[in-house]
Amino acid sequence: ILENLCSEESSVAMFVAAALFATLVVACRGEGACESPDADVLILGAGMSGIAAAKTLFDNGVTNFIILEARDEIGGRMRAVDFAGVKVEAGANWIEGIDTTGSAEYEANPIWTLAQQCGLQGKFSDYDTMLVYSDNGSGVLKPNDLRRDDIESAYEGAAKDSIAMQEAGEPDTTVRAALINNGWTPVTEADNFIDSFEFDFCFAEPPDNTSLYRTQPTPTYDIFGEEDFFVTDQRGYAYLAECLGAEFLNDDRLRLNTTVNLIEYTDDCVCATDFNEVKYCANYGIYTFSIGVLQDEEINQKFEPDLPQYKIDAFEIFSSALFLKIFVEFNETFWDNVEFIGRTSRGREDYPIFQPIGQFFDSKPNVIFATLTGETAYRVAAQDIEVTKQEIRDALVSMYGEFQAEIVNILVPDWASNSLYLGAYSNTPVGVTDQTYEGISAPVGNLYFAGEVFSVLYNGFVHGAYLSGVDVAIDVLETIPSTSTGEIVASGFVIV
């Protein structure tokens, strides 16, 4: 049962059997109820899912919780960094999926609602103003050279195929296979650029590696709307987490600079011990670390008892994708004053997209950032910084010709190598099924799991992390006798 749980043929019955087995193991090995718990709930991680879980508990009368966070600030993969005199977003940067038309067909994106309530600053992205240069020095391409209408038509067809195939009970396939079936195959260098920009720029991996059923149509844009909001607020994107948790983040319920080294769980108790041998125990625990951390063999050895094999196997099916933004400060500006600058190439091994950010700030810093994804992002993240500087300069020269400007500073975020993250966010290859999600999401004892990877519809997005935190907090609330009846409220919305 455990070996076959995550296969496409697995049944819900198999999952239930495996979960029951794991529960019996925990019951036999556990030490029983917490004799002197430090809190009702222990939340591991102060990213968006952890804070959303805490807020949901708080709003429903469960205020005795502790949040453990390894860093010296909250936000998780929302992380603003000082660079060239301004704060830039090293991680999450957009609120994706917003309706600006007032159409009744779309639901409200909870992160956009929160951003409006908290006054988060930024601008809507305008992809139509993008300039795309040929890397052979021939200048800016004409709009028709990009064949955007052709690829958008292919994606519409792929979405229809996805719905029809699922209704017919057919097996999943890759997005690439569906695009080919709908007449799109990249041939020219311009095709390669738009192929990467339309997909990798969102999912951080190519359509060749990605599940059709899990991404087409993309629930974020299909349910919430088609616009994206680029965050430039100098309080940082993570200010949303601060705003959400304003009622409880300024007291000892939040423990910063606390890195968990051991997690013990039973049916009645969850304990986390940090590297200073300080032990925190609660009746329930909510684990919110990233998919990259969950896939790390060394880190998985820090659970006692070991996590069930079916859960480890389910984690391994996902990809830990890397969306890497490299910020570069020059001593002068020489690029176009537009939001997006593209560059054609022969494949995905190069630097396809640049974004100047000087126009967003009063100080007008001479800063541009390059975005890399997939295997290229991992390669560049691991290489010598001087090599990266030269590669970026060569890419810009291929568009603008030789220039005199010099690189003053460069920032390459450490998402790939930092043991707190080990990647940027999850992607879903073929093989991720409903049973896979049941496997990763199932609590073990009283330890629950939340985060963007656990969101069936919105993995990889900030709103996926938020909604997962809310959902798991509700699961916990429904097991606490004093809160298991009546309405449960989250962020002002009645959800039960």
Protein backbone atom coordinates (compact mmCIF):
# COMPACT_ATOMS: atom_id res chain seq x y z
CA ILE A 1 0.00 0.00 0.00
CA LEU A 2 2.70 2.48 0.98
CA GLU A 3 4.73 1.88 -2.17
CA ASN A 4 1.77 2.40 -4.49
CA LEU A 5 0.03 5.24 -2.68
CA CYS A 6 1.23 8.02 -5.01
CA SER A 7 0.76 6.18 -8.30
CA GLU A 8 -2.00 7.30 -10.63
CA GLU A 9 -3.87 4.07 -9.89
CA SER A 10 -3.93 4.63 -6.14
CA SER A 11 -7.34 4.77 -4.55
CA VAL A 12 -8.61 6.81 -1.65
CA ALA A 13 -9.04 3.52 0.21
CA MET A 14 -5.30 2.90 -0.04
CA PHE A 15 -4.61 6.36 1.33
CA VAL A 16 -6.94 5.82 4.27
CA ALA A 17 -5.29 2.49 5.02
CA ALA A 18 -1.82 4.01 4.91
CA ALA A 19 -2.86 6.92 7.10
CA LEU A 20 -4.45 4.54 9.60
CA PHE A 21 -1.25 2.50 9.68
CA ALA A 22 0.80 5.65 10.32
CA THR A 23 -1.56 6.68 13.11
CA LEU A 24 -1.21 3.30 14.78
CA VAL A 25 2.57 3.58 14.59
CA VAL A 26 2.44 7.01 16.18
CA ALA A 27 0.08 5.82 18.91
CA CYS A 28 2.40 2.95 19.77
CA ARG A 29 5.56 5.07 19.79
CA GLY A 30 4.19 8.30 21.26
CA GLU A 31 4.46 9.36 24.86
CA GLY A 32 0.83 10.43 25.23
CA ALA A 33 -0.64 13.81 26.02
CA CYS A 34 1.45 16.90 26.73
CA GLU A 35 1.81 17.01 30.49
CA SER A 36 2.63 20.73 30.64
CA PRO A 37 2.13 22.22 27.17
CA ASP A 38 3.53 25.69 26.46
CA ALA A 39 0.59 26.46 24.17
CA ASP A 40 -2.49 25.02 22.55
CA VAL A 41 -0.93 25.22 19.09
CA LEU A 42 2.70 25.40 17.93
CA ILE A 43 3.18 27.03 14.50
CA LEU A 44 6.49 26.32 12.78
CA GLY A 45 7.35 29.13 10.39
CA ALA A 46 6.18 32.75 10.14
CA GLY A 47 5.59 32.94 6.41
CA MET A 48 2.18 33.73 4.97
CA SER A 49 0.70 30.31 5.72
CA GLY A 50 1.90 30.38 9.34
CA ILE A 51 0.56 33.88 9.97
CA ALA A 52 -2.74 33.07 8.21
CA ALA A 53 -3.12 30.00 10.42
CA ALA A 54 -2.37 32.06 13.53
CA LYS A 55 -4.87 34.74 12.49
CA THR A 56 -7.59 32.13 11.94
CA LEU A 57 -6.94 30.59 15.34
CA PHE A 58 -6.90 34.03 16.97
CA ASP A 59 -10.17 35.12 15.37
CA ASN A 60 -11.83 31.99 16.70
CA GLY A 61 -10.74 32.35 20.30
CA VAL A 62 -7.61 30.15 20.25
CA THR A 63 -5.08 32.76 21.29
CA ASN A 64 -2.64 30.54 23.18
CA PHE A 65 -0.25 29.71 20.36
CA ILE A 66 3.49 30.08 19.73
CA ILE A 67 5.06 30.85 16.35
CA LEU A 68 8.68 29.73 15.86
CA GLU A 69 10.62 31.51 13.10
CA ALA A 70 14.28 30.88 12.21
CA ARG A 71 14.90 34.32 10.71
CA ASP A 72 14.96 37.68 12.50
CA GLU A 73 11.79 38.78 10.70
CA ILE A 74 8.54 37.28 9.45
CA GLY A 75 7.48 36.77 5.84
CA GLY A 76 9.08 33.52 4.72
CA ARG A 77 9.63 33.73 0.97
CA MET A 78 8.34 37.29 0.95
CA ARG A 79 11.65 38.99 1.65
CA ALA A 80 12.66 42.60 1.01
CA VAL A 81 16.38 43.38 0.83
CA ASP A 82 18.17 46.74 0.95
CA PHE A 83 19.87 47.32 -2.39
CA ALA A 84 21.04 50.51 -4.11
CA GLY A 85 19.25 52.65 -1.54
CA VAL A 86 15.83 51.00 -1.91
CA LYS A 87 14.15 47.81 -0.78
CA VAL A 88 13.82 45.20 -3.53
CA GLU A 89 11.83 41.98 -3.30
CA ALA A 90 14.24 39.06 -3.40
CA GLY A 91 11.36 36.58 -3.37
CA ALA A 92 7.64 36.98 -4.07
CA ASN A 93 7.02 40.21 -5.99
CA TRP A 94 3.58 40.02 -7.58
CA ILE A 95 0.02 39.56 -6.45
CA GLU A 96 -1.21 37.34 -9.27
CA GLY A 97 -4.81 36.94 -10.29
CA ILE A 98 -6.74 40.19 -9.87
CA ASP A 99 -9.94 41.31 -11.55
CA THR A 100 -10.06 45.02 -12.37
CA THR A 101 -13.27 44.90 -14.40
CA GLY A 102 -15.79 44.25 -11.63
CA SER A 103 -16.96 41.12 -13.41
CA ALA A 104 -19.20 38.80 -11.42
CA GLU A 105 -17.44 35.77 -12.92
CA TYR A 106 -14.38 36.26 -10.71
CA GLU A 107 -13.91 35.74 -6.98
CA ALA A 108 -11.92 38.07 -4.75
CA ASN A 109 -8.27 37.15 -4.39
CA PRO A 110 -7.69 37.18 -0.59
CA ILE A 111 -4.17 38.58 -0.97
CA TRP A 112 -5.41 41.45 -3.12
CA THR A 113 -8.17 42.12 -0.57
CA LEU A 114 -5.57 42.17 2.20
CA ALA A 115 -3.27 44.41 0.14
CA GLN A 116 -6.04 46.96 -0.31
CA GLN A 117 -6.91 46.86 3.39
CA CYS A 118 -3.24 47.35 4.34
CA GLY A 119 -2.49 49.99 1.69
CA LEU A 120 0.24 48.00 -0.06
CA GLN A 121 1.89 50.05 -2.81
CA GLY A 122 2.80 48.90 -6.31
CA LYS A 123 1.57 48.95 -9.90
CA PHE A 124 -0.27 46.69 -12.29
CA SER A 125 2.09 45.02 -14.73
CA ASP A 126 1.74 46.06 -18.36
CA TYR A 127 3.07 43.22 -20.48
CA ASP A 128 1.96 44.87 -23.72
CA THR A 129 4.69 47.51 -23.47
CA MET A 130 7.45 44.89 -23.39
CA LEU A 131 10.31 45.35 -25.84
CA VAL A 132 12.01 42.21 -27.15
CA TYR A 133 15.49 42.37 -28.65
CA SER A 134 17.13 39.87 -30.93
CA ASP A 135 20.37 38.62 -29.41
CA ASN A 136 22.07 38.90 -32.82
CA GLY A 137 22.14 42.69 -32.57
CA SER A 138 19.41 43.36 -35.12
CA GLY A 139 17.33 45.39 -32.67
CA VAL A 140 13.78 45.26 -31.40
CA LEU A 141 11.49 42.63 -32.85
CA LYS A 142 8.18 43.52 -34.43
CA PRO A 143 5.09 42.35 -32.51
CA ASN A 144 4.20 39.85 -35.23
CA ASP A 145 7.60 38.18 -34.83
CA LEU A 146 6.58 36.95 -31.38
CA ARG A 147 3.45 35.09 -32.52
CA ARG A 148 1.70 35.88 -29.23
CA ASP A 149 -1.72 35.29 -30.75
CA ASP A 150 -0.61 31.82 -31.84
CA ILE A 151 0.69 30.74 -28.44
CA GLU A 152 -2.30 32.22 -26.60
CA SER A 153 -4.63 30.34 -28.93
CA ALA A 154 -2.68 27.14 -28.23
CA TYR A 155 -3.05 27.67 -24.47
CA GLU A 156 -6.78 28.19 -24.85
CA GLY A 157 -6.96 24.90 -26.72
CA ALA A 158 -4.80 23.18 -24.11
CA ALA A 159 -7.13 24.36 -21.34
CA LYS A 160 -10.14 22.98 -23.18
CA ASP A 161 -8.31 19.70 -23.78
CA SER A 162 -7.43 19.49 -20.09
CA ILE A 163 -11.05 19.84 -19.01
CA ALA A 164 -12.32 17.37 -21.60
CA MET A 165 -9.62 14.79 -20.86
CA GLN A 166 -10.26 14.92 -17.11
CA GLU A 167 -13.99 14.54 -17.64
CA ALA A 168 -13.30 11.51 -19.84
CA GLY A 169 -11.01 9.96 -17.23
CA GLU A 170 -7.95 10.05 -19.48
CA PRO A 171 -4.43 10.09 -18.00
CA ASP A 172 -2.61 13.36 -17.43
CA THR A 173 0.01 14.60 -19.88
CA THR A 174 2.46 17.49 -20.09
CA VAL A 175 1.55 21.02 -21.02
CA ARG A 176 4.03 20.71 -23.89
CA ALA A 177 2.15 17.77 -25.38
CA ALA A 178 -1.11 19.74 -25.25
CA LEU A 179 0.52 22.78 -26.87
CA ILE A 180 1.86 20.65 -29.71
CA ASN A 181 -1.60 19.11 -30.13
CA ASN A 182 -2.96 22.65 -30.50
CA GLY A 183 -0.48 23.74 -33.13
CA TRP A 184 2.28 25.37 -31.09
CA THR A 185 5.89 24.26 -31.43
CA PRO A 186 8.66 26.85 -30.96
CA VAL A 187 10.84 27.06 -34.06
CA THR A 188 12.57 30.44 -34.14
CA GLU A 189 14.54 32.24 -31.43
CA ALA A 190 11.58 34.59 -31.05
CA ASP A 191 9.36 31.55 -30.53
CA ASN A 192 11.71 30.26 -27.83
CA PHE A 193 11.47 33.57 -26.00
CA ILE A 194 7.69 33.82 -25.97
CA ASP A 195 7.42 30.10 -25.14
CA SER A 196 9.52 30.69 -22.02
CA PHE A 197 7.93 34.00 -21.06
CA GLU A 198 4.35 32.73 -21.29
CA PHE A 199 4.97 29.70 -19.06
CA ASP A 200 8.31 29.57 -17.21
CA PHE A 201 7.93 33.16 -16.01
CA CYS A 202 4.94 31.96 -13.97
CA PHE A 203 5.66 28.33 -13.09
CA ALA A 204 9.49 28.56 -12.92
CA GLU A 205 9.84 25.40 -15.01
CA PRO A 206 9.13 24.67 -18.70
CA PRO A 207 5.89 23.15 -20.00
CA ASP A 208 7.84 20.00 -20.86
CA ASN A 209 8.07 19.16 -17.13
CA THR A 210 4.64 20.28 -15.97
CA SER A 211 1.24 18.63 -15.52
CA LEU A 212 -1.50 19.73 -17.89
CA TYR A 213 -4.26 18.91 -15.42
CA ARG A 214 -2.74 20.93 -12.55
CA THR A 215 -1.98 24.09 -14.52
CA GLN A 216 -4.41 24.44 -17.46
CA PRO A 217 -6.58 26.36 -17.14
CA THR A 218 -4.56 28.11 -14.42
CA PRO A 219 -6.93 28.38 -11.42
CA THR A 220 -5.35 31.64 -10.18
CA TYR A 221 -6.28 33.51 -13.35
CA ASP A 222 -9.41 31.49 -14.11
CA ILE A 223 -10.94 32.13 -10.67
CA PHE A 224 -9.53 35.47 -9.50
CA GLY A 225 -8.84 37.49 -12.65
CA GLU A 226 -6.16 38.12 -15.26
CA GLU A 227 -4.13 41.04 -13.87
CA ASP A 228 -0.87 41.02 -11.88
CA PHE A 229 0.22 43.65 -9.34
CA PHE A 230 3.96 44.32 -8.95
CA VAL A 231 4.75 45.21 -5.32
CA THR A 232 7.10 48.18 -4.81
CA ASP A 233 6.06 49.12 -1.26
CA GLN A 234 9.13 50.08 0.79
CA ARG A 235 7.68 48.29 3.80
CA GLY A 236 8.06 45.11 1.74
CA TYR A 237 5.60 42.52 0.49
CA ALA A 238 5.97 40.85 3.90
CA TYR A 239 4.18 43.85 5.39
CA LEU A 240 0.99 41.98 4.48
CA ALA A 241 1.91 39.31 7.02
CA GLU A 242 2.67 42.00 9.60
CA CYS A 243 -0.65 43.68 8.87
CA LEU A 244 -2.54 40.39 9.06
CA GLY A 245 -0.99 39.49 12.39
CA ALA A 246 -0.92 42.94 13.97
CA GLU A 247 -3.02 41.80 16.95
CA PHE A 248 -0.57 39.13 18.11
CA LEU A 249 2.88 39.59 16.54
CA ASN A 250 4.18 42.12 19.05
CA ASP A 251 4.26 39.84 22.08
CA ASP A 252 5.98 36.63 23.11
CA ARG A 253 3.75 34.47 20.93
CA LEU A 254 6.28 35.16 18.15
CA ARG A 255 9.76 33.71 18.74
CA LEU A 256 12.23 34.96 16.12
CA ASN A 257 15.76 33.59 15.57
CA THR A 258 14.53 30.16 16.63
CA THR A 259 15.65 27.40 14.27
CA VAL A 260 13.95 24.05 14.82
CA ASN A 261 16.29 21.06 15.04
CA LEU A 262 13.90 18.30 16.15
CA ILE A 263 10.15 17.75 15.80
CA GLU A 264 8.44 15.13 17.97
CA TYR A 265 4.79 14.25 17.50
CA THR A 266 2.14 11.93 18.91
CA ASP A 267 -1.63 11.78 18.73
CA ASP A 268 -1.82 14.22 21.62
CA CYS A 269 1.28 16.37 21.54
CA VAL A 270 3.77 18.12 19.26
CA CYS A 271 7.16 19.36 20.45
CA ALA A 272 9.88 21.30 18.65
CA THR A 273 13.42 21.66 19.98
CA ASP A 274 15.71 24.41 18.70
CA PHE A 275 19.50 24.40 18.32
CA ASN A 276 19.84 25.85 21.82
CA GLU A 277 18.06 22.76 23.20
CA VAL A 278 15.00 24.81 24.14
CA LYS A 279 11.90 22.65 23.79
CA TYR A 280 8.43 23.98 22.96
CA CYS A 281 5.38 21.71 23.30
CA ALA A 282 1.71 22.13 22.39
CA ASN A 283 -1.38 20.01 21.93
CA TYR A 284 -1.24 20.63 18.15
CA GLY A 285 1.44 21.62 15.69
CA ILE A 286 1.29 23.27 12.24
CA TYR A 287 4.36 22.80 10.04
CA THR A 288 4.74 25.40 7.25
CA PHE A 289 8.22 24.89 5.77
CA SER A 290 8.83 24.76 1.99
CA ILE A 291 8.70 21.76 -0.36
CA GLY A 292 12.47 21.94 -0.80
CA VAL A 293 12.93 21.52 2.96
CA LEU A 294 10.39 18.70 3.07
CA GLN A 295 12.31 16.88 0.34
CA ASP A 296 15.67 17.18 2.08
CA GLU A 297 16.73 13.79 3.46
CA GLU A 298 18.83 15.23 6.27
CA ILE A 299 16.02 17.49 7.46
CA ASN A 300 13.47 14.68 7.28
CA GLN A 301 15.59 12.74 9.77
CA LYS A 302 14.72 15.38 12.37
CA PHE A 303 11.19 14.04 12.86
CA GLU A 304 10.54 11.65 15.72
CA PRO A 305 9.05 9.26 14.85
CA ASP A 306 10.10 9.29 11.19
CA LEU A 307 7.51 10.62 8.78
CA PRO A 308 5.52 7.80 7.14
CA GLN A 309 7.05 6.62 3.87
CA TYR A 310 3.87 7.37 1.92
CA LYS A 311 4.23 11.04 2.88
CA ILE A 312 7.91 11.20 1.94
CA ASP A 313 7.14 9.54 -1.40
CA ALA A 314 4.38 12.07 -2.05
CA PHE A 315 6.71 15.00 -1.33
CA GLU A 316 9.23 13.64 -3.83
CA ILE A 317 6.76 13.82 -6.73
CA PHE A 318 6.71 17.63 -6.64
CA SER A 319 9.39 19.88 -8.10
CA SER A 320 11.14 22.49 -5.98
CA ALA A 321 11.33 25.16 -8.66
CA LEU A 322 13.66 28.16 -8.63
CA PHE A 323 12.51 31.62 -9.74
CA LEU A 324 15.71 33.63 -9.41
CA LYS A 325 15.84 37.41 -9.68
CA ILE A 326 19.35 38.83 -9.98
CA PHE A 327 19.54 42.55 -9.16
CA VAL A 328 22.32 44.58 -10.75
CA GLU A 329 23.23 48.20 -10.01
CA PHE A 330 25.17 50.14 -12.65
CA ASN A 331 26.79 53.56 -12.31
CA GLU A 332 24.44 54.89 -14.99
CA THR A 333 21.28 53.87 -16.84
CA PHE A 334 21.50 52.91 -20.51
CA TRP A 335 18.45 50.67 -21.03
CA ASP A 336 14.91 51.40 -22.22
CA ASN A 337 12.50 52.99 -19.76
CA VAL A 338 9.91 50.20 -19.97
CA GLU A 339 8.72 47.58 -17.50
CA PHE A 340 9.93 44.47 -19.35
CA ILE A 341 12.84 43.99 -21.74
CA GLY A 342 13.04 40.61 -23.44
CA ARG A 343 15.88 38.90 -25.29
CA THR A 344 15.61 36.04 -27.76
CA SER A 345 17.90 33.04 -27.52
CA ARG A 346 18.38 29.56 -28.87
CA GLY A 347 17.08 27.90 -25.73
CA ARG A 348 16.44 28.36 -22.02
CA GLU A 349 20.09 28.52 -20.99
CA ASP A 350 20.41 32.29 -21.25
CA TYR A 351 19.05 35.52 -19.73
CA PRO A 352 15.67 36.02 -21.43
CA ILE A 353 14.03 38.82 -19.43
CA PHE A 354 15.17 42.01 -17.69
CA GLN A 355 13.17 44.51 -15.64
CA PRO A 356 14.36 48.05 -14.87
CA ILE A 357 13.01 49.30 -11.55
CA GLY A 358 14.35 52.86 -11.35
CA GLN A 359 11.04 54.32 -12.52
CA PHE A 360 9.29 52.95 -9.42
CA PHE A 361 11.30 54.97 -6.88
CA ASP A 362 11.91 58.67 -6.27
CA SER A 363 15.67 58.10 -6.04
CA LYS A 364 15.69 56.58 -9.56
CA PRO A 365 18.36 53.93 -8.82
CA ASN A 366 20.30 52.56 -11.79
CA VAL A 367 19.02 49.05 -11.14
CA ILE A 368 17.83 46.35 -13.48
CA PHE A 369 17.10 42.74 -12.60
CA ALA A 370 17.27 39.57 -14.65
CA THR A 371 14.91 36.66 -14.02
CA LEU A 372 16.04 33.07 -14.48
CA THR A 373 14.06 29.88 -13.95
CA GLY A 374 14.48 26.12 -13.95
CA GLU A 375 17.85 24.48 -14.44
CA THR A 376 19.44 27.73 -15.61
CA ALA A 377 18.48 29.41 -12.34
CA TYR A 378 20.05 26.61 -10.30
CA ARG A 379 23.22 26.75 -12.42
CA VAL A 380 23.66 30.49 -12.05
CA ALA A 381 22.81 30.45 -8.33
CA ALA A 382 25.71 28.06 -7.75
CA GLN A 383 28.37 29.71 -9.91
CA ASP A 384 30.99 32.34 -9.10
CA ILE A 385 29.55 35.86 -8.85
CA GLU A 386 32.12 37.22 -11.31
CA VAL A 387 30.92 34.75 -13.94
CA THR A 388 27.36 35.93 -13.37
CA LYS A 389 28.38 39.57 -13.77
CA GLN A 390 30.06 38.80 -17.09
CA GLU A 391 27.09 36.78 -18.35
CA ILE A 392 24.70 39.62 -17.54
CA ARG A 393 26.96 42.16 -19.20
CA ASP A 394 27.25 39.97 -22.31
CA ALA A 395 23.46 39.60 -22.46
CA LEU A 396 22.94 43.37 -22.25
CA VAL A 397 25.66 43.99 -24.87
CA SER A 398 23.85 41.62 -27.23
CA MET A 399 20.84 43.96 -27.01
CA TYR A 400 22.39 47.43 -26.66
CA GLY A 401 25.85 47.03 -28.10
CA GLU A 402 29.00 47.92 -26.18
CA PHE A 403 28.46 50.39 -23.34
CA GLN A 404 30.67 52.19 -20.83
CA ALA A 405 28.51 51.69 -17.73
CA GLU A 406 30.04 49.60 -14.96
CA ILE A 407 28.44 47.21 -12.50
CA VAL A 408 28.52 48.75 -9.01
CA ASN A 409 26.73 46.03 -7.07
CA ILE A 410 24.94 42.73 -7.61
CA LEU A 411 22.50 40.68 -5.53
CA VAL A 412 21.95 36.97 -6.16
CA PRO A 413 19.40 35.69 -3.59
CA ASP A 414 20.26 32.39 -1.90
CA TRP A 415 16.94 30.55 -2.29
CA ALA A 416 18.64 27.49 -3.77
CA SER A 417 21.33 27.03 -1.13
CA ASN A 418 19.67 28.40 2.02
CA SER A 419 18.62 25.44 4.18
CA LEU A 420 15.49 27.34 5.24
CA TYR A 421 14.11 27.20 1.67
CA LEU A 422 16.03 25.01 -0.84
CA GLY A 423 14.12 26.46 -3.77
CA ALA A 424 11.57 29.16 -4.44
CA TYR A 425 8.22 27.37 -4.73
CA SER A 426 6.62 24.14 -5.87
CA ASN A 427 5.69 23.02 -9.36
CA THR A 428 3.53 20.05 -10.32
CA PRO A 429 4.91 17.48 -12.77
CA VAL A 430 2.78 14.78 -14.37
CA GLY A 431 2.09 12.27 -11.62
CA VAL A 432 0.73 14.72 -9.05
CA THR A 433 -2.78 13.44 -8.38
CA ASP A 434 -5.49 14.07 -5.83
CA GLN A 435 -4.05 11.14 -3.87
CA THR A 436 -0.65 12.85 -3.91
CA TYR A 437 -2.17 15.90 -2.27
CA GLU A 438 -3.95 13.72 0.27
CA GLY A 439 -0.63 12.08 1.05
CA ILE A 440 1.31 15.30 1.65
CA SER A 441 -1.55 17.02 3.49
CA ALA A 442 -2.56 14.27 5.91
CA PRO A 443 -1.65 15.12 9.51
CA VAL A 444 0.61 12.72 11.39
CA GLY A 445 -0.58 12.48 14.95
CA ASN A 446 -1.44 16.03 15.93
CA LEU A 447 1.08 17.55 13.50
CA TYR A 448 -0.59 19.32 10.57
CA PHE A 449 0.97 20.67 7.36
CA ALA A 450 0.38 24.00 5.59
CA GLY A 451 2.04 26.07 2.87
CA GLU A 452 1.74 26.87 -0.82
CA VAL A 453 2.64 23.32 -1.90
CA PHE A 454 -0.40 22.00 0.01
CA SER A 455 -2.82 24.19 -1.94
CA VAL A 456 -4.46 21.99 -4.58
CA LEU A 457 -5.53 24.94 -6.75
CA TYR A 458 -2.94 27.60 -5.98
CA ASN A 459 0.41 25.97 -5.29
CA GLY A 460 3.30 28.31 -6.00
CA PHE A 461 1.34 31.46 -5.17
CA VAL A 462 1.18 33.63 -2.04
CA HIS A 463 -2.59 33.26 -1.94
CA GLY A 464 -2.07 29.48 -2.01
CA ALA A 465 0.05 29.76 1.13
CA TYR A 466 -2.54 32.01 2.78
CA LEU A 467 -5.51 29.76 1.98
CA SER A 468 -3.62 26.64 3.04
CA GLY A 469 -2.86 28.23 6.40
CA VAL A 470 -6.52 29.15 6.86
CA ASP A 471 -7.71 25.66 5.88
CA VAL A 472 -5.33 23.85 8.22
CA ALA A 473 -6.21 26.14 11.11
CA ILE A 474 -9.86 25.25 10.50
CA ASP A 475 -8.94 21.55 10.63
CA VAL A 476 -7.28 22.13 13.99
CA LEU A 477 -10.21 24.19 15.28
CA GLU A 478 -12.62 21.42 14.36
CA THR A 479 -10.75 19.00 16.64
CA ILE A 480 -10.59 21.33 19.65
CA PRO A 481 -13.71 20.62 21.76
CA SER A 482 -14.35 24.24 22.74
CA THR A 483 -14.28 25.48 19.12
CA SER A 484 -15.61 22.53 17.14
CA THR A 485 -19.20 23.81 17.06
CA GLY A 486 -20.63 26.99 15.58
CA GLU A 487 -19.28 29.27 12.91
CA ILE A 488 -15.56 29.48 12.19
CA VAL A 489 -14.35 32.83 10.91
CA ALA A 490 -11.20 33.74 8.99
CA SER A 491 -10.16 37.23 7.96
CA GLY A 492 -13.68 38.56 8.30
CA PHE A 493 -15.32 35.89 6.14
CA VAL A 494 -17.63 33.24 7.57
CA ILE A 495 -16.27 30.02 6.11
CA VAL A 496 -18.17 27.30 7.94
